[in-house]
Amino acid sequence: NSTLYDQICFCLSAGILAPSTHNCQPW
């Protein structure tokens, strides 16, 4: 029921949980 933009942001939270070198999250 949320906007597509908010749905994308929700999925981005999953992206942020990705492993990264030395946990630096370079994105």
mmCIF file of all heavy atoms, coordinates in Angstrom:
data_MODEL
# 
_entry.id   MODEL 
# 
loop_
_atom_site.group_PDB 
_atom_site.id 
_atom_site.type_symbol 
_atom_site.label_atom_id 
_atom_site.label_alt_id 
_atom_site.label_comp_id 
_atom_site.label_asym_id 
_atom_site.label_entity_id 
_atom_site.label_seq_id 
_atom_site.pdbx_PDB_ins_code 
_atom_site.Cartn_x 
_atom_site.Cartn_y 
_atom_site.Cartn_z 
_atom_site.occupancy 
_atom_site.B_iso_or_equiv 
_atom_site.pdbx_formal_charge 
_atom_site.auth_seq_id 
_atom_site.auth_comp_id 
_atom_site.auth_asym_id 
_atom_site.auth_atom_id 
_atom_site.pdbx_PDB_model_num 
ATOM 1   N N   . ASN A 1 1  ? 0.808  -1.221 0.000  1.00 0.00 ? 1  ASN A N   1 
ATOM 2   C CA  . ASN A 1 1  ? 0.000  0.000  0.000  1.00 0.00 ? 1  ASN A CA  1 
ATOM 3   C C   . ASN A 1 1  ? 0.841  1.271  0.000  1.00 0.00 ? 1  ASN A C   1 
ATOM 4   O O   . ASN A 1 1  ? 0.301  2.365  -0.121 1.00 0.00 ? 1  ASN A O   1 
ATOM 5   C CB  . ASN A 1 1  ? -0.949 0.002  1.208  1.00 0.00 ? 1  ASN A CB  1 
ATOM 6   C CG  . ASN A 1 1  ? -1.954 -1.128 1.115  1.00 0.00 ? 1  ASN A CG  1 
ATOM 7   O OD1 . ASN A 1 1  ? -2.421 -1.464 0.032  1.00 0.00 ? 1  ASN A OD1 1 
ATOM 8   N ND2 . ASN A 1 1  ? -2.259 -1.741 2.245  1.00 0.00 ? 1  ASN A ND2 1 
ATOM 9   N N   . SER A 1 2  ? 2.155  1.132  0.143  1.00 0.00 ? 2  SER A N   1 
ATOM 10  C CA  . SER A 1 2  ? 3.017  2.318  0.125  1.00 0.00 ? 2  SER A CA  1 
ATOM 11  C C   . SER A 1 2  ? 3.359  2.682  -1.323 1.00 0.00 ? 2  SER A C   1 
ATOM 12  O O   . SER A 1 2  ? 3.068  1.940  -2.255 1.00 0.00 ? 2  SER A O   1 
ATOM 13  C CB  . SER A 1 2  ? 4.286  2.060  0.943  1.00 0.00 ? 2  SER A CB  1 
ATOM 14  O OG  . SER A 1 2  ? 5.014  0.991  0.396  1.00 0.00 ? 2  SER A OG  1 
ATOM 15  N N   . THR A 1 3  ? 3.989  3.829  -1.487 1.00 0.00 ? 3  THR A N   1 
ATOM 16  C CA  . THR A 1 3  ? 4.370  4.269  -2.830 1.00 0.00 ? 3  THR A CA  1 
ATOM 17  C C   . THR A 1 3  ? 5.503  3.388  -3.364 1.00 0.00 ? 3  THR A C   1 
ATOM 18  O O   . THR A 1 3  ? 6.226  2.743  -2.577 1.00 0.00 ? 3  THR A O   1 
ATOM 19  C CB  . THR A 1 3  ? 4.871  5.726  -2.815 1.00 0.00 ? 3  THR A CB  1 
ATOM 20  O OG1 . THR A 1 3  ? 6.085  5.788  -2.052 1.00 0.00 ? 3  THR A OG1 1 
ATOM 21  C CG2 . THR A 1 3  ? 3.821  6.660  -2.224 1.00 0.00 ? 3  THR A CG2 1 
ATOM 22  N N   . LEU A 1 4  ? 5.669  3.369  -4.670 1.00 0.00 ? 4  LEU A N   1 
ATOM 23  C CA  . LEU A 1 4  ? 6.766  2.609  -5.263 1.00 0.00 ? 4  LEU A CA  1 
ATOM 24  C C   . LEU A 1 4  ? 8.098  3.116  -4.717 1.00 0.00 ? 4  LEU A C   1 
ATOM 25  O O   . LEU A 1 4  ? 8.992  2.323  -4.418 1.00 0.00 ? 4  LEU A O   1 
ATOM 26  C CB  . LEU A 1 4  ? 6.735  2.695  -6.796 1.00 0.00 ? 4  LEU A CB  1 
ATOM 27  C CG  . LEU A 1 4  ? 7.853  1.950  -7.524 1.00 0.00 ? 4  LEU A CG  1 
ATOM 28  C CD1 . LEU A 1 4  ? 7.837  0.451  -7.198 1.00 0.00 ? 4  LEU A CD1 1 
ATOM 29  C CD2 . LEU A 1 4  ? 7.756  2.172  -9.032 1.00 0.00 ? 4  LEU A CD2 1 
ATOM 30  N N   . TYR A 1 5  ? 8.233  4.409  -4.566 1.00 0.00 ? 5  TYR A N   1 
ATOM 31  C CA  . TYR A 1 5  ? 9.462  4.985  -4.017 1.00 0.00 ? 5  TYR A CA  1 
ATOM 32  C C   . TYR A 1 5  ? 9.768  4.395  -2.634 1.00 0.00 ? 5  TYR A C   1 
ATOM 33  O O   . TYR A 1 5  ? 10.890 3.975  -2.350 1.00 0.00 ? 5  TYR A O   1 
ATOM 34  C CB  . TYR A 1 5  ? 9.344  6.512  -3.935 1.00 0.00 ? 5  TYR A CB  1 
ATOM 35  C CG  . TYR A 1 5  ? 10.571 7.166  -3.366 1.00 0.00 ? 5  TYR A CG  1 
ATOM 36  C CD1 . TYR A 1 5  ? 11.667 7.461  -4.180 1.00 0.00 ? 5  TYR A CD1 1 
ATOM 37  C CD2 . TYR A 1 5  ? 10.655 7.483  -2.016 1.00 0.00 ? 5  TYR A CD2 1 
ATOM 38  C CE1 . TYR A 1 5  ? 12.808 8.059  -3.661 1.00 0.00 ? 5  TYR A CE1 1 
ATOM 39  C CE2 . TYR A 1 5  ? 11.792 8.079  -1.492 1.00 0.00 ? 5  TYR A CE2 1 
ATOM 40  C CZ  . TYR A 1 5  ? 12.857 8.360  -2.318 1.00 0.00 ? 5  TYR A CZ  1 
ATOM 41  O OH  . TYR A 1 5  ? 13.985 8.935  -1.797 1.00 0.00 ? 5  TYR A OH  1 
ATOM 42  N N   . ASP A 1 6  ? 8.767  4.341  -1.762 1.00 0.00 ? 6  ASP A N   1 
ATOM 43  C CA  . ASP A 1 6  ? 8.964  3.773  -0.420 1.00 0.00 ? 6  ASP A CA  1 
ATOM 44  C C   . ASP A 1 6  ? 9.260  2.276  -0.489 1.00 0.00 ? 6  ASP A C   1 
ATOM 45  O O   . ASP A 1 6  ? 10.035 1.754  0.320  1.00 0.00 ? 6  ASP A O   1 
ATOM 46  C CB  . ASP A 1 6  ? 7.748  4.038  0.466  1.00 0.00 ? 6  ASP A CB  1 
ATOM 47  C CG  . ASP A 1 6  ? 7.654  5.495  0.898  1.00 0.00 ? 6  ASP A CG  1 
ATOM 48  O OD1 . ASP A 1 6  ? 8.695  6.198  0.870  1.00 0.00 ? 6  ASP A OD1 1 
ATOM 49  O OD2 . ASP A 1 6  ? 6.545  5.937  1.255  1.00 0.00 ? 6  ASP A OD2 1 
ATOM 50  N N   . GLN A 1 7  ? 8.659  1.579  -1.437 1.00 0.00 ? 7  GLN A N   1 
ATOM 51  C CA  . GLN A 1 7  ? 8.949  0.158  -1.613 1.00 0.00 ? 7  GLN A CA  1 
ATOM 52  C C   . GLN A 1 7  ? 10.401 -0.047 -2.051 1.00 0.00 ? 7  GLN A C   1 
ATOM 53  O O   . GLN A 1 7  ? 11.080 -0.968 -1.581 1.00 0.00 ? 7  GLN A O   1 
ATOM 54  C CB  . GLN A 1 7  ? 7.987  -0.464 -2.627 1.00 0.00 ? 7  GLN A CB  1 
ATOM 55  C CG  . GLN A 1 7  ? 6.566  -0.529 -2.124 1.00 0.00 ? 7  GLN A CG  1 
ATOM 56  C CD  . GLN A 1 7  ? 5.577  -0.989 -3.188 1.00 0.00 ? 7  GLN A CD  1 
ATOM 57  O OE1 . GLN A 1 7  ? 5.922  -1.174 -4.356 1.00 0.00 ? 7  GLN A OE1 1 
ATOM 58  N NE2 . GLN A 1 7  ? 4.340  -1.175 -2.782 1.00 0.00 ? 7  GLN A NE2 1 
ATOM 59  N N   . ILE A 1 8  ? 10.881 0.817  -2.946 1.00 0.00 ? 8  ILE A N   1 
ATOM 60  C CA  . ILE A 1 8  ? 12.280 0.749  -3.380 1.00 0.00 ? 8  ILE A CA  1 
ATOM 61  C C   . ILE A 1 8  ? 13.196 0.993  -2.176 1.00 0.00 ? 8  ILE A C   1 
ATOM 62  O O   . ILE A 1 8  ? 14.171 0.255  -1.973 1.00 0.00 ? 8  ILE A O   1 
ATOM 63  C CB  . ILE A 1 8  ? 12.567 1.776  -4.493 1.00 0.00 ? 8  ILE A CB  1 
ATOM 64  C CG1 . ILE A 1 8  ? 11.778 1.436  -5.754 1.00 0.00 ? 8  ILE A CG1 1 
ATOM 65  C CG2 . ILE A 1 8  ? 14.063 1.840  -4.802 1.00 0.00 ? 8  ILE A CG2 1 
ATOM 66  C CD1 . ILE A 1 8  ? 11.739 2.562  -6.790 1.00 0.00 ? 8  ILE A CD1 1 
ATOM 67  N N   . CYS A 1 9  ? 12.883 1.990  -1.378 1.00 0.00 ? 9  CYS A N   1 
ATOM 68  C CA  . CYS A 1 9  ? 13.694 2.276  -0.186 1.00 0.00 ? 9  CYS A CA  1 
ATOM 69  C C   . CYS A 1 9  ? 13.697 1.095  0.771  1.00 0.00 ? 9  CYS A C   1 
ATOM 70  O O   . CYS A 1 9  ? 14.727 0.777  1.372  1.00 0.00 ? 9  CYS A O   1 
ATOM 71  C CB  . CYS A 1 9  ? 13.181 3.528  0.520  1.00 0.00 ? 9  CYS A CB  1 
ATOM 72  S SG  . CYS A 1 9  ? 13.498 5.044  -0.405 1.00 0.00 ? 9  CYS A SG  1 
ATOM 73  N N   . PHE A 1 10 ? 12.568 0.422  0.898  1.00 0.00 ? 10 PHE A N   1 
ATOM 74  C CA  . PHE A 1 10 ? 12.490 -0.761 1.753  1.00 0.00 ? 10 PHE A CA  1 
ATOM 75  C C   . PHE A 1 10 ? 13.455 -1.828 1.234  1.00 0.00 ? 10 PHE A C   1 
ATOM 76  O O   . PHE A 1 10 ? 14.202 -2.434 2.013  1.00 0.00 ? 10 PHE A O   1 
ATOM 77  C CB  . PHE A 1 10 ? 11.058 -1.299 1.786  1.00 0.00 ? 10 PHE A CB  1 
ATOM 78  C CG  . PHE A 1 10 ? 10.879 -2.470 2.703  1.00 0.00 ? 10 PHE A CG  1 
ATOM 79  C CD1 . PHE A 1 10 ? 10.606 -2.265 4.050  1.00 0.00 ? 10 PHE A CD1 1 
ATOM 80  C CD2 . PHE A 1 10 ? 10.988 -3.767 2.235  1.00 0.00 ? 10 PHE A CD2 1 
ATOM 81  C CE1 . PHE A 1 10 ? 10.446 -3.351 4.908  1.00 0.00 ? 10 PHE A CE1 1 
ATOM 82  C CE2 . PHE A 1 10 ? 10.830 -4.850 3.080  1.00 0.00 ? 10 PHE A CE2 1 
ATOM 83  C CZ  . PHE A 1 10 ? 10.555 -4.638 4.427  1.00 0.00 ? 10 PHE A CZ  1 
ATOM 84  N N   . CYS A 1 11 ? 13.474 -2.045 -0.065 1.00 0.00 ? 11 CYS A N   1 
ATOM 85  C CA  . CYS A 1 11 ? 14.376 -3.034 -0.661 1.00 0.00 ? 11 CYS A CA  1 
ATOM 86  C C   . CYS A 1 11 ? 15.834 -2.591 -0.567 1.00 0.00 ? 11 CYS A C   1 
ATOM 87  O O   . CYS A 1 11 ? 16.738 -3.424 -0.436 1.00 0.00 ? 11 CYS A O   1 
ATOM 88  C CB  . CYS A 1 11 ? 13.982 -3.311 -2.106 1.00 0.00 ? 11 CYS A CB  1 
ATOM 89  S SG  . CYS A 1 11 ? 12.403 -4.186 -2.259 1.00 0.00 ? 11 CYS A SG  1 
ATOM 90  N N   . LEU A 1 12 ? 16.071 -1.284 -0.607 1.00 0.00 ? 12 LEU A N   1 
ATOM 91  C CA  . LEU A 1 12 ? 17.433 -0.776 -0.433 1.00 0.00 ? 12 LEU A CA  1 
ATOM 92  C C   . LEU A 1 12 ? 17.985 -1.129 0.940  1.00 0.00 ? 12 LEU A C   1 
ATOM 93  O O   . LEU A 1 12 ? 19.193 -1.333 1.100  1.00 0.00 ? 12 LEU A O   1 
ATOM 94  C CB  . LEU A 1 12 ? 17.480 0.735  -0.618 1.00 0.00 ? 12 LEU A CB  1 
ATOM 95  C CG  . LEU A 1 12 ? 17.708 1.224  -2.028 1.00 0.00 ? 12 LEU A CG  1 
ATOM 96  C CD1 . LEU A 1 12 ? 17.623 2.738  -2.080 1.00 0.00 ? 12 LEU A CD1 1 
ATOM 97  C CD2 . LEU A 1 12 ? 19.021 0.748  -2.584 1.00 0.00 ? 12 LEU A CD2 1 
ATOM 98  N N   . SER A 1 13 ? 17.116 -1.212 1.921  1.00 0.00 ? 13 SER A N   1 
ATOM 99  C CA  . SER A 1 13 ? 17.567 -1.636 3.248  1.00 0.00 ? 13 SER A CA  1 
ATOM 100 C C   . SER A 1 13 ? 18.162 -3.038 3.192  1.00 0.00 ? 13 SER A C   1 
ATOM 101 O O   . SER A 1 13 ? 19.119 -3.333 3.907  1.00 0.00 ? 13 SER A O   1 
ATOM 102 C CB  . SER A 1 13 ? 16.413 -1.588 4.250  1.00 0.00 ? 13 SER A CB  1 
ATOM 103 O OG  . SER A 1 13 ? 15.991 -0.262 4.439  1.00 0.00 ? 13 SER A OG  1 
ATOM 104 N N   . ALA A 1 14 ? 17.619 -3.883 2.343  1.00 0.00 ? 14 ALA A N   1 
ATOM 105 C CA  . ALA A 1 14 ? 18.200 -5.223 2.145  1.00 0.00 ? 14 ALA A CA  1 
ATOM 106 C C   . ALA A 1 14 ? 19.565 -5.091 1.479  1.00 0.00 ? 14 ALA A C   1 
ATOM 107 O O   . ALA A 1 14 ? 20.508 -5.815 1.814  1.00 0.00 ? 14 ALA A O   1 
ATOM 108 C CB  . ALA A 1 14 ? 17.266 -6.093 1.309  1.00 0.00 ? 14 ALA A CB  1 
ATOM 109 N N   . GLY A 1 15 ? 19.684 -4.170 0.535  1.00 0.00 ? 15 GLY A N   1 
ATOM 110 C CA  . GLY A 1 15 ? 20.967 -3.932 -0.126 1.00 0.00 ? 15 GLY A CA  1 
ATOM 111 C C   . GLY A 1 15 ? 22.031 -3.484 0.850  1.00 0.00 ? 15 GLY A C   1 
ATOM 112 O O   . GLY A 1 15 ? 23.183 -3.932 0.794  1.00 0.00 ? 15 GLY A O   1 
ATOM 113 N N   . ILE A 1 16 ? 21.661 -2.621 1.759  1.00 0.00 ? 16 ILE A N   1 
ATOM 114 C CA  . ILE A 1 16 ? 22.601 -2.095 2.739  1.00 0.00 ? 16 ILE A CA  1 
ATOM 115 C C   . ILE A 1 16 ? 23.149 -3.199 3.635  1.00 0.00 ? 16 ILE A C   1 
ATOM 116 O O   . ILE A 1 16 ? 24.267 -3.099 4.144  1.00 0.00 ? 16 ILE A O   1 
ATOM 117 C CB  . ILE A 1 16 ? 21.928 -0.971 3.564  1.00 0.00 ? 16 ILE A CB  1 
ATOM 118 C CG1 . ILE A 1 16 ? 21.696 0.254  2.670  1.00 0.00 ? 16 ILE A CG1 1 
ATOM 119 C CG2 . ILE A 1 16 ? 22.743 -0.596 4.790  1.00 0.00 ? 16 ILE A CG2 1 
ATOM 120 C CD1 . ILE A 1 16 ? 20.797 1.306  3.278  1.00 0.00 ? 16 ILE A CD1 1 
ATOM 121 N N   . LEU A 1 17 ? 22.405 -4.270 3.803  1.00 0.00 ? 17 LEU A N   1 
ATOM 122 C CA  . LEU A 1 17 ? 22.855 -5.390 4.638  1.00 0.00 ? 17 LEU A CA  1 
ATOM 123 C C   . LEU A 1 17 ? 23.888 -6.281 3.951  1.00 0.00 ? 17 LEU A C   1 
ATOM 124 O O   . LEU A 1 17 ? 24.388 -7.217 4.559  1.00 0.00 ? 17 LEU A O   1 
ATOM 125 C CB  . LEU A 1 17 ? 21.649 -6.238 5.068  1.00 0.00 ? 17 LEU A CB  1 
ATOM 126 C CG  . LEU A 1 17 ? 20.697 -5.548 6.033  1.00 0.00 ? 17 LEU A CG  1 
ATOM 127 C CD1 . LEU A 1 17 ? 19.473 -6.424 6.273  1.00 0.00 ? 17 LEU A CD1 1 
ATOM 128 C CD2 . LEU A 1 17 ? 21.390 -5.230 7.340  1.00 0.00 ? 17 LEU A CD2 1 
ATOM 129 N N   . ALA A 1 18 ? 24.232 -5.984 2.721  1.00 0.00 ? 18 ALA A N   1 
ATOM 130 C CA  . ALA A 1 18 ? 25.201 -6.804 1.990  1.00 0.00 ? 18 ALA A CA  1 
ATOM 131 C C   . ALA A 1 18 ? 26.573 -6.752 2.657  1.00 0.00 ? 18 ALA A C   1 
ATOM 132 O O   . ALA A 1 18 ? 26.963 -5.725 3.221  1.00 0.00 ? 18 ALA A O   1 
ATOM 133 C CB  . ALA A 1 18 ? 25.318 -6.321 0.544  1.00 0.00 ? 18 ALA A CB  1 
ATOM 134 N N   . PRO A 1 19 ? 27.304 -7.846 2.587  1.00 0.00 ? 19 PRO A N   1 
ATOM 135 C CA  . PRO A 1 19 ? 28.677 -7.822 3.105  1.00 0.00 ? 19 PRO A CA  1 
ATOM 136 C C   . PRO A 1 19 ? 29.546 -6.913 2.242  1.00 0.00 ? 19 PRO A C   1 
ATOM 137 O O   . PRO A 1 19 ? 29.309 -6.772 1.046  1.00 0.00 ? 19 PRO A O   1 
ATOM 138 C CB  . PRO A 1 19 ? 29.131 -9.276 3.001  1.00 0.00 ? 19 PRO A CB  1 
ATOM 139 C CG  . PRO A 1 19 ? 28.247 -9.893 1.980  1.00 0.00 ? 19 PRO A CG  1 
ATOM 140 C CD  . PRO A 1 19 ? 26.950 -9.140 2.016  1.00 0.00 ? 19 PRO A CD  1 
ATOM 141 N N   . SER A 1 20 ? 30.521 -6.282 2.870  1.00 0.00 ? 20 SER A N   1 
ATOM 142 C CA  . SER A 1 20 ? 31.451 -5.433 2.134  1.00 0.00 ? 20 SER A CA  1 
ATOM 143 C C   . SER A 1 20 ? 32.844 -5.563 2.746  1.00 0.00 ? 20 SER A C   1 
ATOM 144 O O   . SER A 1 20 ? 32.987 -5.952 3.902  1.00 0.00 ? 20 SER A O   1 
ATOM 145 C CB  . SER A 1 20 ? 30.990 -3.971 2.162  1.00 0.00 ? 20 SER A CB  1 
ATOM 146 O OG  . SER A 1 20 ? 30.959 -3.469 3.480  1.00 0.00 ? 20 SER A OG  1 
ATOM 147 N N   . THR A 1 21 ? 33.836 -5.242 1.956  1.00 0.00 ? 21 THR A N   1 
ATOM 148 C CA  . THR A 1 21 ? 35.213 -5.341 2.408  1.00 0.00 ? 21 THR A CA  1 
ATOM 149 C C   . THR A 1 21 ? 35.412 -4.528 3.685  1.00 0.00 ? 21 THR A C   1 
ATOM 150 O O   . THR A 1 21 ? 35.109 -3.334 3.716  1.00 0.00 ? 21 THR A O   1 
ATOM 151 C CB  . THR A 1 21 ? 36.162 -4.830 1.310  1.00 0.00 ? 21 THR A CB  1 
ATOM 152 O OG1 . THR A 1 21 ? 35.931 -5.592 0.137  1.00 0.00 ? 21 THR A OG1 1 
ATOM 153 C CG2 . THR A 1 21 ? 37.607 -4.953 1.735  1.00 0.00 ? 21 THR A CG2 1 
ATOM 154 N N   . HIS A 1 22 ? 35.886 -5.179 4.705  1.00 0.00 ? 22 HIS A N   1 
ATOM 155 C CA  . HIS A 1 22 ? 36.120 -4.546 6.010  1.00 0.00 ? 22 HIS A CA  1 
ATOM 156 C C   . HIS A 1 22 ? 34.897 -3.778 6.497  1.00 0.00 ? 22 HIS A C   1 
ATOM 157 O O   . HIS A 1 22 ? 35.011 -2.803 7.230  1.00 0.00 ? 22 HIS A O   1 
ATOM 158 C CB  . HIS A 1 22 ? 37.356 -3.645 5.970  1.00 0.00 ? 22 HIS A CB  1 
ATOM 159 C CG  . HIS A 1 22 ? 38.615 -4.403 5.735  1.00 0.00 ? 22 HIS A CG  1 
ATOM 160 N ND1 . HIS A 1 22 ? 39.198 -5.172 6.705  1.00 0.00 ? 22 HIS A ND1 1 
ATOM 161 C CD2 . HIS A 1 22 ? 39.376 -4.539 4.626  1.00 0.00 ? 22 HIS A CD2 1 
ATOM 162 C CE1 . HIS A 1 22 ? 40.293 -5.741 6.215  1.00 0.00 ? 22 HIS A CE1 1 
ATOM 163 N NE2 . HIS A 1 22 ? 40.408 -5.384 4.944  1.00 0.00 ? 22 HIS A NE2 1 
ATOM 164 N N   . ASN A 1 23 ? 33.723 -4.202 6.054  1.00 0.00 ? 23 ASN A N   1 
ATOM 165 C CA  . ASN A 1 23 ? 32.447 -3.590 6.422  1.00 0.00 ? 23 ASN A CA  1 
ATOM 166 C C   . ASN A 1 23 ? 32.434 -2.078 6.169  1.00 0.00 ? 23 ASN A C   1 
ATOM 167 O O   . ASN A 1 23 ? 31.831 -1.317 6.907  1.00 0.00 ? 23 ASN A O   1 
ATOM 168 C CB  . ASN A 1 23 ? 32.096 -3.897 7.887  1.00 0.00 ? 23 ASN A CB  1 
ATOM 169 C CG  . ASN A 1 23 ? 30.612 -3.801 8.151  1.00 0.00 ? 23 ASN A CG  1 
ATOM 170 O OD1 . ASN A 1 23 ? 29.793 -4.021 7.249  1.00 0.00 ? 23 ASN A OD1 1 
ATOM 171 N ND2 . ASN A 1 23 ? 30.240 -3.478 9.360  1.00 0.00 ? 23 ASN A ND2 1 
ATOM 172 N N   . CYS A 1 24 ? 33.081 -1.660 5.087  1.00 0.00 ? 24 CYS A N   1 
ATOM 173 C CA  . CYS A 1 24 ? 33.171 -0.221 4.797  1.00 0.00 ? 24 CYS A CA  1 
ATOM 174 C C   . CYS A 1 24 ? 31.954 0.314  4.057  1.00 0.00 ? 24 CYS A C   1 
ATOM 175 O O   . CYS A 1 24 ? 31.772 1.518  3.972  1.00 0.00 ? 24 CYS A O   1 
ATOM 176 C CB  . CYS A 1 24 ? 34.436 0.080  3.996  1.00 0.00 ? 24 CYS A CB  1 
ATOM 177 S SG  . CYS A 1 24 ? 34.422 -0.617 2.337  1.00 0.00 ? 24 CYS A SG  1 
ATOM 178 N N   . GLN A 1 25 ? 31.110 -0.556 3.528  1.00 0.00 ? 25 GLN A N   1 
ATOM 179 C CA  . GLN A 1 25 ? 29.892 -0.171 2.810  1.00 0.00 ? 25 GLN A CA  1 
ATOM 180 C C   . GLN A 1 25 ? 30.170 0.974  1.831  1.00 0.00 ? 25 GLN A C   1 
ATOM 181 O O   . GLN A 1 25 ? 29.702 2.097  2.013  1.00 0.00 ? 25 GLN A O   1 
ATOM 182 C CB  . GLN A 1 25 ? 28.780 0.183  3.790  1.00 0.00 ? 25 GLN A CB  1 
ATOM 183 C CG  . GLN A 1 25 ? 28.435 -0.970 4.699  1.00 0.00 ? 25 GLN A CG  1 
ATOM 184 C CD  . GLN A 1 25 ? 27.392 -0.638 5.726  1.00 0.00 ? 25 GLN A CD  1 
ATOM 185 O OE1 . GLN A 1 25 ? 27.274 0.484  6.184  1.00 0.00 ? 25 GLN A OE1 1 
ATOM 186 N NE2 . GLN A 1 25 ? 26.628 -1.645 6.102  1.00 0.00 ? 25 GLN A NE2 1 
ATOM 187 N N   . PRO A 1 26 ? 30.905 0.683  0.755  1.00 0.00 ? 26 PRO A N   1 
ATOM 188 C CA  . PRO A 1 26 ? 31.396 1.740  -0.138 1.00 0.00 ? 26 PRO A CA  1 
ATOM 189 C C   . PRO A 1 26 ? 30.396 2.239  -1.171 1.00 0.00 ? 26 PRO A C   1 
ATOM 190 O O   . PRO A 1 26 ? 30.771 2.834  -2.166 1.00 0.00 ? 26 PRO A O   1 
ATOM 191 C CB  . PRO A 1 26 ? 32.573 1.046  -0.835 1.00 0.00 ? 26 PRO A CB  1 
ATOM 192 C CG  . PRO A 1 26 ? 32.108 -0.374 -0.952 1.00 0.00 ? 26 PRO A CG  1 
ATOM 193 C CD  . PRO A 1 26 ? 31.378 -0.635 0.349  1.00 0.00 ? 26 PRO A CD  1 
ATOM 194 N N   . TRP A 1 27 ? 29.127 2.025  -0.952 1.00 0.00 ? 27 TRP A N   1 
ATOM 195 C CA  . TRP A 1 27 ? 28.135 2.388  -1.955 1.00 0.00 ? 27 TRP A CA  1 
ATOM 196 C C   . TRP A 1 27 ? 27.404 3.678  -1.607 1.00 0.00 ? 27 TRP A C   1 
ATOM 197 O O   . TRP A 1 27 ? 27.263 4.068  -0.461 1.00 0.00 ? 27 TRP A O   1 
ATOM 198 C CB  . TRP A 1 27 ? 27.120 1.262  -2.123 1.00 0.00 ? 27 TRP A CB  1 
ATOM 199 C CG  . TRP A 1 27 ? 26.644 0.686  -0.814 1.00 0.00 ? 27 TRP A CG  1 
ATOM 200 C CD1 . TRP A 1 27 ? 25.815 1.273  0.102  1.00 0.00 ? 27 TRP A CD1 1 
ATOM 201 C CD2 . TRP A 1 27 ? 27.015 -0.564 -0.260 1.00 0.00 ? 27 TRP A CD2 1 
ATOM 202 N NE1 . TRP A 1 27 ? 25.633 0.452  1.178  1.00 0.00 ? 27 TRP A NE1 1 
ATOM 203 C CE2 . TRP A 1 27 ? 26.350 -0.686 0.991  1.00 0.00 ? 27 TRP A CE2 1 
ATOM 204 C CE3 . TRP A 1 27 ? 27.814 -1.612 -0.693 1.00 0.00 ? 27 TRP A CE3 1 
ATOM 205 C CZ2 . TRP A 1 27 ? 26.481 -1.801 1.805  1.00 0.00 ? 27 TRP A CZ2 1 
ATOM 206 C CZ3 . TRP A 1 27 ? 27.941 -2.723 0.123  1.00 0.00 ? 27 TRP A CZ3 1 
ATOM 207 C CH2 . TRP A 1 27 ? 27.289 -2.814 1.353  1.00 0.00 ? 27 TRP A CH2 1 
# 
